[in-house]
Protein backbone atom coordinates (compact mmCIF):
# COMPACT_ATOMS: atom_id res chain seq x y z
CA MET A 1 38.44 50.84 48.43
CA HIS A 2 35.45 51.48 50.64
CA GLN A 3 31.92 50.76 49.44
CA LEU A 4 29.76 53.65 50.55
CA VAL A 5 27.53 55.21 47.92
CA SER A 6 28.53 58.85 47.57
CA VAL A 7 25.68 61.25 48.27
CA SER A 8 25.51 64.87 47.18
CA ARG A 9 24.13 67.33 49.68
CA HIS A 10 21.78 68.54 46.95
CA GLU A 11 20.25 65.17 46.10
CA VAL A 12 17.66 65.28 48.87
CA PRO A 13 15.80 68.48 49.82
CA ALA A 14 16.63 69.66 53.31
CA ASN A 15 13.77 69.24 55.74
CA PRO A 16 14.20 70.67 59.24
CA LEU A 17 11.65 68.17 60.58
CA ASP A 18 13.43 65.19 59.01
CA ARG A 19 16.22 64.79 61.52
CA PRO A 20 17.80 61.45 62.41
CA PHE A 21 17.15 59.77 65.72
CA PRO A 22 20.12 60.51 68.03
CA LEU A 23 22.26 57.39 67.95
CA GLY A 24 24.45 57.93 71.00
CA ARG A 25 27.79 56.13 71.03
CA VAL A 26 28.42 53.72 68.14
CA LEU A 27 31.23 51.20 67.66
CA VAL A 28 32.23 50.50 64.05
CA VAL A 29 34.06 47.16 63.74
CA ASP A 30 35.86 46.70 60.44
CA ASP A 31 39.39 45.63 59.52
CA ASP A 32 39.18 47.75 56.37
CA ARG A 33 40.54 51.05 57.66
CA ASP A 34 39.19 53.17 54.78
CA MET A 35 35.70 51.74 55.10
CA ARG A 36 35.78 52.13 58.87
CA HIS A 37 36.80 55.77 58.67
CA ALA A 38 34.15 56.50 56.02
CA VAL A 39 31.37 55.09 58.21
CA ILE A 40 32.68 56.85 61.33
CA GLY A 41 32.89 60.15 59.48
CA HIS A 42 29.32 59.96 58.27
CA LEU A 43 27.94 58.99 61.68
CA ASN A 44 29.83 61.77 63.43
CA GLU A 45 28.19 64.28 61.08
CA HIS A 46 24.75 63.23 62.31
CA ARG A 47 24.34 63.66 66.08
CA CYS A 48 26.41 60.59 66.88
CA HIS A 49 29.71 59.85 68.56
CA ALA A 50 31.27 56.99 66.59
CA VAL A 51 34.53 55.21 67.30
CA GLY A 52 36.10 52.34 65.40
CA CYS A 53 38.39 49.38 65.71
CA GLY A 54 39.42 46.16 64.01
CA VAL A 55 38.09 42.77 65.05
CA ARG A 56 41.07 42.02 67.29
CA ASP A 57 40.49 45.12 69.44
CA MET A 58 36.70 44.74 69.70
CA PRO A 59 36.65 42.74 73.00
CA HIS A 60 38.69 45.47 74.69
CA HIS A 61 36.17 48.14 73.65
CA LEU A 62 33.21 46.05 74.82
CA ARG A 63 34.84 45.50 78.21
CA HIS A 64 35.76 49.12 78.84
CA ASP A 65 33.03 51.16 77.19
CA GLN A 66 29.27 51.34 76.68
CA PHE A 67 27.71 51.54 73.21
CA SER A 68 24.19 52.09 71.97
CA LEU A 69 24.90 50.31 68.66
CA ILE A 70 27.56 48.27 66.83
CA VAL A 71 28.11 48.34 63.06
CA LEU A 72 29.94 45.12 62.17
CA ASP A 73 31.47 44.18 58.83
CA VAL A 74 31.13 40.38 58.67
CA GLN A 75 33.89 40.07 56.09
CA SER A 76 36.34 40.95 58.85
CA GLY A 77 37.91 38.46 61.19
CA PRO A 78 37.99 34.64 61.09
CA PRO A 79 36.75 32.41 58.24
CA ASP A 80 33.50 31.81 60.13
CA ARG A 81 31.92 35.11 59.19
CA PHE A 82 29.50 35.02 62.12
CA ALA A 83 32.06 34.18 64.81
CA VAL A 84 32.48 37.86 65.66
CA LEU A 85 28.70 38.27 65.98
CA ARG A 86 28.65 35.34 68.42
CA GLN A 87 31.42 37.00 70.45
CA ILE A 88 29.36 40.18 70.71
CA ARG A 89 26.23 38.32 71.72
CA ASP A 90 28.15 36.40 74.39
CA ARG A 91 29.26 39.70 75.92
CA SER A 92 26.50 42.23 75.29
CA PRO A 93 22.85 42.72 74.22
CA VAL A 94 23.79 45.88 72.29
CA PRO A 95 22.02 46.12 68.88
CA VAL A 96 24.14 45.06 65.89
CA ILE A 97 23.86 46.06 62.23
CA LEU A 98 25.76 43.65 60.00
CA VAL A 99 27.42 44.96 56.85
CA ALA A 100 27.87 42.23 54.24
CA CYS A 101 29.06 41.92 50.66
CA GLN A 102 26.77 41.17 47.73
CA ARG A 103 27.74 37.48 47.87
CA CYS A 104 25.87 37.20 51.18
CA ASN A 105 22.64 35.40 50.27
CA ASP A 106 19.24 35.15 51.96
CA ALA A 107 20.26 32.04 53.92
CA ASP A 108 23.29 33.87 55.34
CA ARG A 109 21.16 36.78 56.41
CA ILE A 110 18.58 34.52 58.04
CA VAL A 111 21.38 32.86 60.03
CA ALA A 112 22.69 36.30 61.04
CA LEU A 113 19.29 37.37 62.35
CA GLU A 114 18.82 34.08 64.19
CA LEU A 115 22.23 34.56 65.83
CA GLY A 116 21.19 37.96 67.15
CA ALA A 117 21.86 40.57 64.47
CA ASP A 118 19.24 43.31 64.42
CA ASP A 119 19.61 44.20 60.75
CA CYS A 120 21.71 43.49 57.64
CA LEU A 121 23.03 45.98 55.12
CA ILE A 122 24.57 44.97 51.80
CA LYS A 123 27.53 46.74 50.17
CA PRO A 124 27.61 49.12 48.48
CA PHE A 125 25.14 51.08 50.59
CA ASP A 126 23.95 54.63 50.94
CA PRO A 127 25.20 56.04 54.28
CA ARG A 128 21.78 57.61 54.77
CA GLU A 129 20.27 54.11 54.81
CA LEU A 130 22.66 53.05 57.56
CA LEU A 131 21.64 56.10 59.55
CA ALA A 132 17.93 55.43 58.99
CA ARG A 133 18.18 51.75 59.94
CA ALA A 134 20.20 52.56 63.04
CA GLY A 135 17.64 55.15 64.11
CA ALA A 136 14.78 52.69 63.53
CA ILE A 137 16.47 50.02 65.69
CA LEU A 138 17.07 52.44 68.55
CA ARG A 139 13.53 53.84 68.37
CA ARG A 140 12.12 50.33 68.70
CA GLN A 141 14.50 49.64 71.56
CA GLU A 142 13.31 52.75 73.36
CA MET A 143 9.67 51.79 72.78
CA GLY A 144 10.46 48.35 74.20
CA ARG A 145 11.96 49.91 77.32
CA GLN A 146 8.85 52.01 77.83
CA LEU A 147 6.59 49.00 77.40
CA THR A 148 8.60 46.75 79.71
CA ALA A 149 8.61 49.49 82.33
CA ARG A 150 4.87 48.90 82.65
CA PRO A 151 3.69 45.74 84.40
CA VAL A 152 2.57 43.18 81.80
CA ARG A 153 -0.43 41.17 82.86
CA GLY A 154 -2.72 38.64 81.33
CA GLY A 155 -2.24 35.47 79.38
CA TYR A 156 -3.84 33.02 76.98
CA ARG A 157 -5.16 29.46 76.95
CA PHE A 158 -5.58 27.37 73.81
CA ASN A 159 -5.98 23.60 73.31
CA GLY A 160 -4.77 22.97 76.86
CA TRP A 161 -1.70 25.20 76.44
CA GLU A 162 -1.15 28.28 78.58
CA LEU A 163 0.99 31.37 78.01
CA ARG A 164 1.55 33.88 80.82
CA ARG A 165 2.66 37.25 79.49
CA ARG A 166 4.19 38.65 82.68
CA THR A 167 6.68 35.80 82.96
CA ARG A 168 6.62 34.78 79.26
CA ARG A 169 6.08 31.22 80.48
CA LEU A 170 4.54 28.72 78.07
CA THR A 171 3.25 25.38 79.39
CA ASP A 172 1.93 22.43 77.42
CA PRO A 173 -1.30 20.55 78.27
CA SER A 174 0.59 18.38 80.80
CA GLY A 175 1.87 21.49 82.61
CA LYS A 176 5.45 21.14 81.35
CA ALA A 177 7.28 24.40 80.61
CA VAL A 178 8.32 24.92 76.99
CA ASP A 179 11.18 27.30 76.17
CA LEU A 180 10.60 30.09 73.67
CA THR A 181 13.08 32.41 72.05
CA LYS A 182 12.33 36.13 72.01
CA GLY A 183 11.22 35.87 68.38
CA GLY A 184 9.17 32.76 69.05
CA TYR A 185 7.36 34.44 71.94
CA ALA A 186 6.56 37.53 69.85
CA LEU A 187 5.29 35.35 67.00
CA LEU A 188 3.08 33.28 69.29
CA VAL A 189 1.57 36.40 70.88
CA ALA A 190 0.81 37.77 67.40
CA PHE A 191 -1.11 34.58 66.59
CA LEU A 192 -2.90 34.50 69.96
CA GLU A 193 -4.08 38.07 69.55
CA ALA A 194 -5.68 37.20 66.19
CA PRO A 195 -6.89 33.58 66.33
CA LEU A 196 -8.73 32.07 63.36
CA ARG A 197 -7.74 35.08 61.26
CA PRO A 198 -5.32 34.82 58.33
CA LEU A 199 -2.19 36.90 58.91
CA SER A 200 0.17 37.87 56.12
CA ARG A 201 3.93 37.50 56.38
CA GLU A 202 4.17 41.29 56.45
CA GLN A 203 1.86 41.46 59.48
CA LEU A 204 3.83 38.78 61.29
CA LEU A 205 7.16 40.42 60.44
CA SER A 206 5.87 43.70 61.83
CA ALA A 207 4.64 41.98 65.00
CA THR A 208 8.01 40.32 65.58
CA ARG A 209 9.91 43.53 64.72
CA THR A 210 11.88 41.95 61.88
CA HIS A 211 12.61 44.33 59.02
CA GLN A 212 9.98 43.81 56.34
CA ASP A 213 12.33 44.91 53.58
CA VAL A 214 15.01 42.33 54.37
CA PHE A 215 13.35 39.07 53.25
CA ASP A 216 9.86 37.90 54.18
CA ARG A 217 10.83 34.21 54.03
CA SER A 218 12.59 34.63 57.37
CA ILE A 219 9.13 34.45 58.97
CA ASP A 220 8.73 30.96 57.49
CA VAL A 221 11.76 29.84 59.49
CA GLN A 222 10.28 31.27 62.70
CA VAL A 223 6.91 29.62 62.01
CA LEU A 224 8.61 26.26 61.41
CA ARG A 225 10.42 26.49 64.74
CA LEU A 226 7.23 27.45 66.57
CA ARG A 227 5.39 24.52 64.98
CA ARG A 228 8.07 22.19 66.32
CA LYS A 229 7.22 23.46 69.79
CA LEU A 230 3.44 23.27 69.49
CA GLU A 231 2.48 20.65 66.93
CA PRO A 232 2.42 16.88 67.56
CA ASP A 233 3.40 16.46 63.89
CA PRO A 234 5.04 19.65 62.51
CA ALA A 235 5.00 18.14 59.01
CA GLN A 236 1.17 18.04 59.19
CA PRO A 237 0.37 21.20 61.18
CA ARG A 238 -3.13 21.64 62.51
CA LEU A 239 -2.60 24.56 64.86
CA ILE A 240 -0.60 26.96 62.68
CA ARG A 241 -1.96 26.40 59.20
CA THR A 242 -0.56 27.79 55.98
CA GLU A 243 -2.96 29.95 53.99
CA ARG A 244 -1.58 29.77 50.47
CA GLY A 245 -1.11 33.17 48.88
CA ILE A 246 -1.77 34.91 52.19
CA GLY A 247 0.33 33.68 55.10
CA TYR A 248 -0.72 31.75 58.19
CA VAL A 249 -3.71 31.28 60.46
CA PHE A 250 -3.79 30.15 64.11
CA ASP A 251 -6.56 27.54 64.02
CA ALA A 252 -7.70 27.33 67.63
CA ALA A 253 -10.06 29.05 70.03
CA VAL A 254 -8.06 31.30 72.34
CA GLU A 255 -9.17 32.34 75.81
CA THR A 256 -7.77 35.50 77.41
CA VAL A 257 -7.14 34.88 81.11
CA PHE A 258 -5.55 36.32 84.26
């Protein structure tokens, strides 16, 4: 029994300007044949070419075809529900929307995002929401391509640290390079562009392109990991301070350089 919410064509007024972002070629990975066919059918009705497979056949499709997006049911496959997501990330940077059951809690979804999922959708779901989330992911991806096509210049200095934007290279006061994840880099840039100013979780989520409507506590995890990189004592942070009831503030003078 598949878990798509049925939608009447008359529930939402037709709007010729409200057309979904073209999704391109989408791979739907789900061992539940009925659910897989339901998702494929809906996507194919909306300017998309969707194909599907079970978990076992997924590597073959990734080797022999190109996809703009993958819709993955994490209940499929091995007991480790995120093993399939890891397989995808080992092979391809293609965006992934995870479909999970209602038993999937906030901690599970945080882990999924940290492992490389681009979004999470909980069953039962409205197929229009899947379409909207997929379109949003691909719009951001296209915007990212346009931005990265332009040469990125400039950088920041703060408390002896230095971040170069063109190479995304962060060095500590001794000159040693410090690795940053993509999310960690985006979060640090958000702080450096607004030093000494309280930023809400919503602002930080928007800056790091994490979906605001998923769970705002995921930003707390990212802040904790960034503190471990920057703070001498992450348990007593002085650089990234918590503003209770608001969010966080980057408590340092920042110099724009290069």
